[in-house]
Protein backbone atom coordinates (compact mmCIF):
# COMPACT_ATOMS: atom_id res chain seq x y z
CA MET A 1 0.07 0.03 0.42
CA HIS A 2 1.55 3.34 -1.22
CA SER A 3 -0.93 5.66 0.36
CA PRO A 4 -3.37 5.53 3.64
CA PHE A 5 -5.85 7.29 1.26
CA ALA A 6 -7.28 5.05 -1.45
CA ASN A 7 -7.89 7.63 -4.02
CA GLN A 8 -4.60 9.58 -3.46
CA TRP A 9 -2.90 7.12 -6.00
CA THR A 10 -5.62 6.87 -8.64
CA THR A 11 -4.70 7.87 -11.86
CA SER A 12 -5.70 8.00 -15.78
CA PRO A 13 -4.15 8.49 -19.06
CA ALA A 14 -3.32 12.39 -19.62
CA PRO A 15 -5.51 13.81 -22.49
CA GLU A 16 -3.57 15.55 -25.16
CA PRO A 17 -2.51 19.14 -24.31
CA ARG A 18 -5.07 21.01 -26.36
CA GLU A 19 -7.70 19.23 -25.09
CA VAL A 20 -7.46 19.60 -21.42
CA VAL A 21 -9.70 21.63 -19.50
CA TRP A 22 -7.19 23.50 -17.46
CA ARG A 23 -9.76 25.04 -14.71
CA ASN A 24 -11.41 21.44 -13.77
CA LEU A 25 -7.43 19.98 -13.80
CA PRO A 26 -6.60 21.49 -10.24
CA ILE A 27 -10.24 20.09 -8.72
CA PRO A 28 -9.52 17.47 -5.80
CA LEU A 29 -11.33 13.60 -6.65
CA GLY A 30 -13.36 14.23 -3.80
CA GLN A 31 -14.98 17.49 -4.98
CA ARG A 32 -15.20 15.68 -8.56
CA LEU A 33 -17.22 13.08 -6.97
CA ILE A 34 -19.47 15.61 -5.44
CA ARG A 35 -20.13 17.71 -8.23
CA GLN A 36 -20.67 14.42 -10.23
CA PHE A 37 -22.75 13.26 -7.89
CA ILE A 38 -25.03 16.97 -8.20
CA VAL A 39 -24.70 16.91 -11.95
CA TYR A 40 -26.29 13.52 -12.49
CA SER A 41 -28.96 14.40 -9.52
CA SER A 42 -29.76 17.48 -11.80
CA VAL A 43 -29.98 15.57 -15.06
CA VAL A 44 -32.45 13.12 -13.02
CA LEU A 45 -34.78 15.88 -12.15
CA MET A 46 -34.47 17.47 -15.39
CA ILE A 47 -35.24 14.22 -17.31
CA LEU A 48 -38.23 13.72 -14.80
CA PHE A 49 -39.34 17.52 -15.01
CA TYR A 50 -38.65 18.37 -18.70
CA MET A 51 -41.69 16.53 -19.74
CA ILE A 52 -44.18 19.12 -17.79
CA PRO A 53 -43.55 21.69 -20.42
CA ILE A 54 -42.90 19.84 -23.40
CA GLY A 55 -46.38 17.81 -22.41
CA PHE A 56 -48.29 21.38 -21.45
CA ILE A 57 -46.84 22.76 -24.97
CA SER A 58 -47.84 19.99 -26.52
CA ALA A 59 -51.12 19.89 -25.68
CA LEU A 60 -51.64 23.71 -25.94
CA ILE A 61 -50.25 23.69 -29.42
CA SER A 62 -52.73 21.61 -30.93
CA LEU A 63 -54.46 23.29 -33.99
CA ASN A 64 -57.80 22.92 -32.21
CA ASN A 65 -56.23 24.68 -29.16
CA LEU A 66 -54.68 27.03 -30.94
CA VAL A 67 -57.74 27.98 -33.08
CA ASN A 68 -59.68 28.43 -29.40
CA LYS A 69 -57.15 30.31 -27.68
CA LEU A 70 -56.02 32.76 -31.02
CA PRO A 71 -59.06 33.16 -33.33
CA PHE A 72 -57.38 35.63 -35.21
CA LEU A 73 -55.47 32.14 -36.62
CA LYS A 74 -58.61 30.57 -38.00
CA PRO A 75 -58.48 32.24 -41.66
CA ILE A 76 -54.91 30.83 -41.94
CA VAL A 77 -55.81 27.16 -40.20
CA ASP A 78 -58.58 26.87 -42.23
CA ILE A 79 -56.20 26.80 -45.28
CA PRO A 80 -56.67 22.74 -46.20
CA VAL A 81 -52.56 23.00 -47.30
CA VAL A 82 -51.59 24.96 -43.91
CA ASN A 83 -53.83 22.79 -41.55
CA ALA A 84 -52.26 19.62 -42.46
CA ILE A 85 -48.72 20.95 -42.47
CA LEU A 86 -49.31 22.22 -38.57
CA GLN A 87 -51.53 19.32 -37.55
CA ALA A 88 -48.56 16.94 -39.04
CA PHE A 89 -45.50 18.75 -37.85
CA LEU A 90 -46.16 21.36 -35.29
CA PRO A 91 -46.06 19.23 -31.75
CA GLN A 92 -43.01 17.64 -32.94
CA LEU A 93 -41.33 20.90 -34.11
CA VAL A 94 -41.64 22.47 -30.65
CA LEU A 95 -40.13 19.08 -29.66
CA ILE A 96 -37.09 19.37 -31.60
CA ILE A 97 -36.30 23.20 -30.44
CA PHE A 98 -36.62 21.88 -26.74
CA LEU A 99 -34.07 18.99 -27.97
CA PHE A 100 -32.04 21.87 -29.86
CA LEU A 101 -31.35 24.09 -26.39
CA LEU A 102 -30.52 20.58 -24.39
CA PRO A 103 -27.08 19.60 -25.35
CA ARG A 104 -25.42 22.84 -25.04
CA LEU A 105 -26.76 22.85 -21.26
CA LEU A 106 -25.88 18.89 -20.95
CA LEU A 107 -22.16 20.00 -21.73
CA LYS A 108 -22.29 23.12 -19.50
CA LEU A 109 -23.41 20.57 -16.85
CA SER A 110 -20.83 18.11 -17.75
CA THR A 111 -17.85 21.00 -17.69
CA LEU A 112 -18.88 21.90 -14.26
CA GLU A 113 -18.68 18.19 -13.06
CA GLY A 114 -14.99 18.74 -13.11
CA ILE A 115 -13.82 16.48 -16.02
CA PRO A 116 -10.41 17.41 -16.94
CA ALA A 117 -10.72 16.59 -20.83
CA GLN A 118 -12.69 17.86 -23.46
CA SER A 119 -13.55 14.61 -25.03
CA HIS A 120 -14.67 13.32 -21.70
CA ILE A 121 -17.00 16.17 -21.04
CA ASP A 122 -18.28 15.82 -24.69
CA ARG A 123 -18.89 11.92 -23.79
CA ALA A 124 -20.74 12.50 -20.70
CA ALA A 125 -23.23 15.13 -22.40
CA ALA A 126 -23.81 12.50 -25.08
CA GLY A 127 -24.73 9.83 -22.62
CA LYS A 128 -26.48 11.95 -20.88
CA PHE A 129 -28.48 13.26 -23.85
CA PHE A 130 -28.92 9.31 -24.96
CA TYR A 131 -30.71 8.99 -21.41
CA PHE A 132 -32.42 11.92 -21.92
CA ASN A 133 -33.96 10.66 -25.11
CA VAL A 134 -34.92 7.55 -24.26
CA PHE A 135 -36.43 8.06 -20.94
CA ASN A 136 -38.17 11.62 -21.86
CA VAL A 137 -38.45 11.66 -25.74
CA PHE A 138 -39.43 8.60 -26.61
CA LEU A 139 -41.13 6.90 -23.28
CA GLY A 140 -42.30 9.69 -22.05
CA VAL A 141 -44.03 11.31 -25.34
CA THR A 142 -44.86 7.90 -25.89
CA ILE A 143 -46.86 7.36 -22.79
CA ALA A 144 -47.77 11.25 -21.90
CA GLY A 145 -49.36 11.43 -25.70
CA SER A 146 -51.36 8.29 -25.15
CA LEU A 147 -52.35 9.33 -21.40
CA PHE A 148 -53.68 12.61 -22.95
CA ASN A 149 -55.54 10.66 -25.90
CA SER A 150 -57.28 8.33 -23.47
CA LEU A 151 -57.80 10.32 -20.37
CA LYS A 152 -61.72 10.43 -20.46
CA GLY A 153 -61.39 6.55 -20.81
CA ILE A 154 -59.20 6.31 -17.53
CA VAL A 155 -61.33 9.04 -15.54
CA ASP A 156 -64.82 7.12 -16.48
CA ASP A 157 -62.98 3.47 -16.33
CA PRO A 158 -59.89 3.53 -14.06
CA LYS A 159 -59.60 0.21 -14.10
CA SER A 160 -59.08 -0.49 -18.15
CA ILE A 161 -56.24 1.82 -18.27
CA VAL A 162 -53.91 -0.83 -19.79
CA ASN A 163 -56.36 -1.87 -22.40
CA LEU A 164 -56.58 1.93 -22.94
CA LEU A 165 -53.48 2.78 -23.15
CA SER A 166 -53.05 -0.42 -25.67
CA GLU A 167 -55.32 0.95 -27.96
CA SER A 168 -53.97 4.89 -27.75
CA LEU A 169 -50.27 3.66 -28.36
CA PRO A 170 -50.19 3.08 -32.06
CA GLY A 171 -51.83 6.32 -32.54
CA GLN A 172 -48.19 7.53 -31.54
CA ALA A 173 -46.60 6.11 -34.32
CA THR A 174 -47.03 9.40 -36.62
CA PHE A 175 -45.48 11.28 -34.39
CA PHE A 176 -42.38 9.44 -34.39
CA ILE A 177 -42.62 9.24 -38.24
CA SER A 178 -42.82 12.78 -38.19
CA PHE A 179 -40.35 13.70 -35.85
CA VAL A 180 -37.63 11.25 -37.62
CA ALA A 181 -38.66 12.91 -40.89
CA LEU A 182 -38.02 16.67 -39.17
CA LYS A 183 -34.70 15.77 -37.46
């Protein structure tokens, strides 16, 4: 044993000098672990609560709700081509705008985590973005969309939630087809 402290002799390969994030280099391992815990906790909370504004905006921007809230849009929405385009792509466009801002935030969080190399920061942010997409976009939008579509049936008969969700889940396929087409 070289040291009474287990993490004192912990080493890792040095990054290339151009890739070093110099302000993160002197951060002690204990502080990095605390920062990592805080960042991961923030990302988990962000995954859980990011769905609230996305779901709210998606529900708000459905074409019927927009026309009800903003009556001056009715002449524009009555044009069949514009109506079809807005109906097909508006919710996906809002989600893409939210997702456009997310990588910058995740890169900033990964930098604050204290990672000393830029490529490791990029990899950490990409991992966080992957988990965000899986849990929030694919599972969250699918389940939330299905719940919104079958909310009346669930309120009327709460025991049939599984059947109602299984019937409304295939309806979310068009959302994801449009989402992939827009990306």
